[in-house]
């Protein structure tokens, strides 16, 4: 598989996980234990956020959706370029 395709698909997957985590956090606002889930890699020195801020989660959802669309555009461009190169060679 082409490196650009692999990178775009990995970015789409990461954006999807970020969107899922933010949506789950918003859904858990009514729960008694409001611990914030995250799709980011954990750091030993970093203390996880305990309280869910709805504004931060909405911004995270928007950011994840922009990243998703950007990676889709990269994937589309790479596929179009590959298709054009195959048309030239045949």
Protein backbone atom coordinates (compact mmCIF):
# COMPACT_ATOMS: atom_id res chain seq x y z
CA UNK A 1 0.00 0.00 0.00
CA UNK A 2 1.17 3.48 -0.80
CA UNK A 3 2.53 5.52 2.12
CA UNK A 4 0.18 8.45 1.39
CA UNK A 5 -2.83 6.12 1.40
CA UNK A 6 -1.72 4.54 4.65
CA UNK A 7 -1.17 7.94 6.26
CA UNK A 8 -4.57 9.23 5.13
CA UNK A 9 -6.35 6.10 6.37
CA UNK A 10 -4.55 6.33 9.71
CA UNK A 11 -5.59 9.98 10.03
CA UNK A 12 -9.20 9.08 9.26
CA UNK A 13 -9.12 6.38 11.92
CA UNK A 14 -7.61 8.74 14.52
CA UNK A 15 -10.18 11.46 13.75
CA UNK A 16 -12.96 8.89 14.08
CA UNK A 17 -11.67 7.84 17.52
CA UNK A 18 -11.42 11.47 18.66
CA UNK A 19 -14.99 12.09 17.54
CA UNK A 20 -16.19 8.92 19.28
CA UNK A 21 -14.44 9.84 22.55
CA UNK A 22 -15.86 13.38 22.56
CA UNK A 23 -19.36 12.09 21.80
CA UNK A 24 -19.10 9.55 24.62
CA UNK A 25 -17.96 12.30 27.00
CA UNK A 26 -20.98 14.44 26.11
CA UNK A 27 -23.28 11.44 26.50
CA UNK A 28 -21.78 10.76 29.95
CA UNK A 29 -22.49 14.28 31.25
CA UNK A 30 -25.60 13.03 33.05
CA UNK A 31 -23.77 10.10 34.61
CA UNK A 32 -22.80 10.28 38.25
CA UNK A 33 -19.11 9.60 37.58
CA UNK A 34 -17.99 12.15 35.02
CA UNK A 35 -14.54 10.93 34.12
CA UNK A 36 -13.30 12.19 30.79
CA UNK A 37 -12.30 9.63 28.20
CA UNK A 38 -9.67 10.45 25.63
CA UNK A 39 -8.35 9.04 22.38
CA UNK A 40 -4.96 10.70 22.87
CA UNK A 41 -1.90 8.70 23.97
CA UNK A 42 -1.43 8.85 27.70
CA UNK A 43 1.55 10.43 29.39
CA UNK A 44 2.75 9.28 32.81
CA UNK A 45 3.40 12.83 34.01
CA UNK A 46 0.07 14.20 32.79
CA UNK A 47 -2.89 14.02 35.15
CA UNK A 48 -6.11 13.18 33.26
CA UNK A 49 -8.98 15.65 33.33
CA UNK A 50 -11.67 14.55 35.76
CA UNK A 51 -14.43 17.01 34.92
CA UNK A 52 -16.13 17.14 31.54
CA UNK A 53 -16.48 20.57 29.96
CA UNK A 54 -19.18 20.47 27.23
CA UNK A 55 -17.63 23.40 25.33
CA UNK A 56 -14.27 21.62 25.11
CA UNK A 57 -15.96 18.45 23.88
CA UNK A 58 -17.85 20.31 21.14
CA UNK A 59 -14.63 21.97 20.00
CA UNK A 60 -12.95 18.55 20.00
CA UNK A 61 -15.77 17.16 17.84
CA UNK A 62 -15.43 20.01 15.35
CA UNK A 63 -11.66 19.62 15.24
CA UNK A 64 -11.99 15.88 14.67
CA UNK A 65 -14.51 16.40 11.86
CA UNK A 66 -12.16 18.89 10.14
CA UNK A 67 -9.29 16.40 10.43
CA UNK A 68 -11.54 13.67 9.02
CA UNK A 69 -12.49 15.78 5.98
CA UNK A 70 -8.88 16.85 5.40
CA UNK A 71 -7.70 13.25 5.41
CA UNK A 72 -10.50 12.27 3.04
CA UNK A 73 -9.33 14.99 0.64
CA UNK A 74 -5.75 13.67 0.85
CA UNK A 75 -7.03 10.15 0.14
CA UNK A 76 -9.15 11.34 -2.81
CA UNK A 77 -6.28 13.33 -4.29
CA UNK A 78 -3.90 10.39 -3.98
CA UNK A 79 -6.39 8.02 -5.62
CA UNK A 80 -7.04 10.50 -8.46
CA UNK A 81 -3.31 10.96 -8.99
CA UNK A 82 -2.71 7.22 -9.04
CA UNK A 83 -5.60 6.79 -11.48
CA UNK A 84 -4.22 9.48 -13.77
CA UNK A 85 -0.78 7.89 -13.74
CA UNK A 86 -2.26 4.50 -14.60
CA UNK A 87 -4.22 6.07 -17.48
CA UNK A 88 -1.01 7.60 -18.86
CA UNK A 89 0.85 4.29 -18.75
CA UNK A 90 -1.88 2.25 -20.46
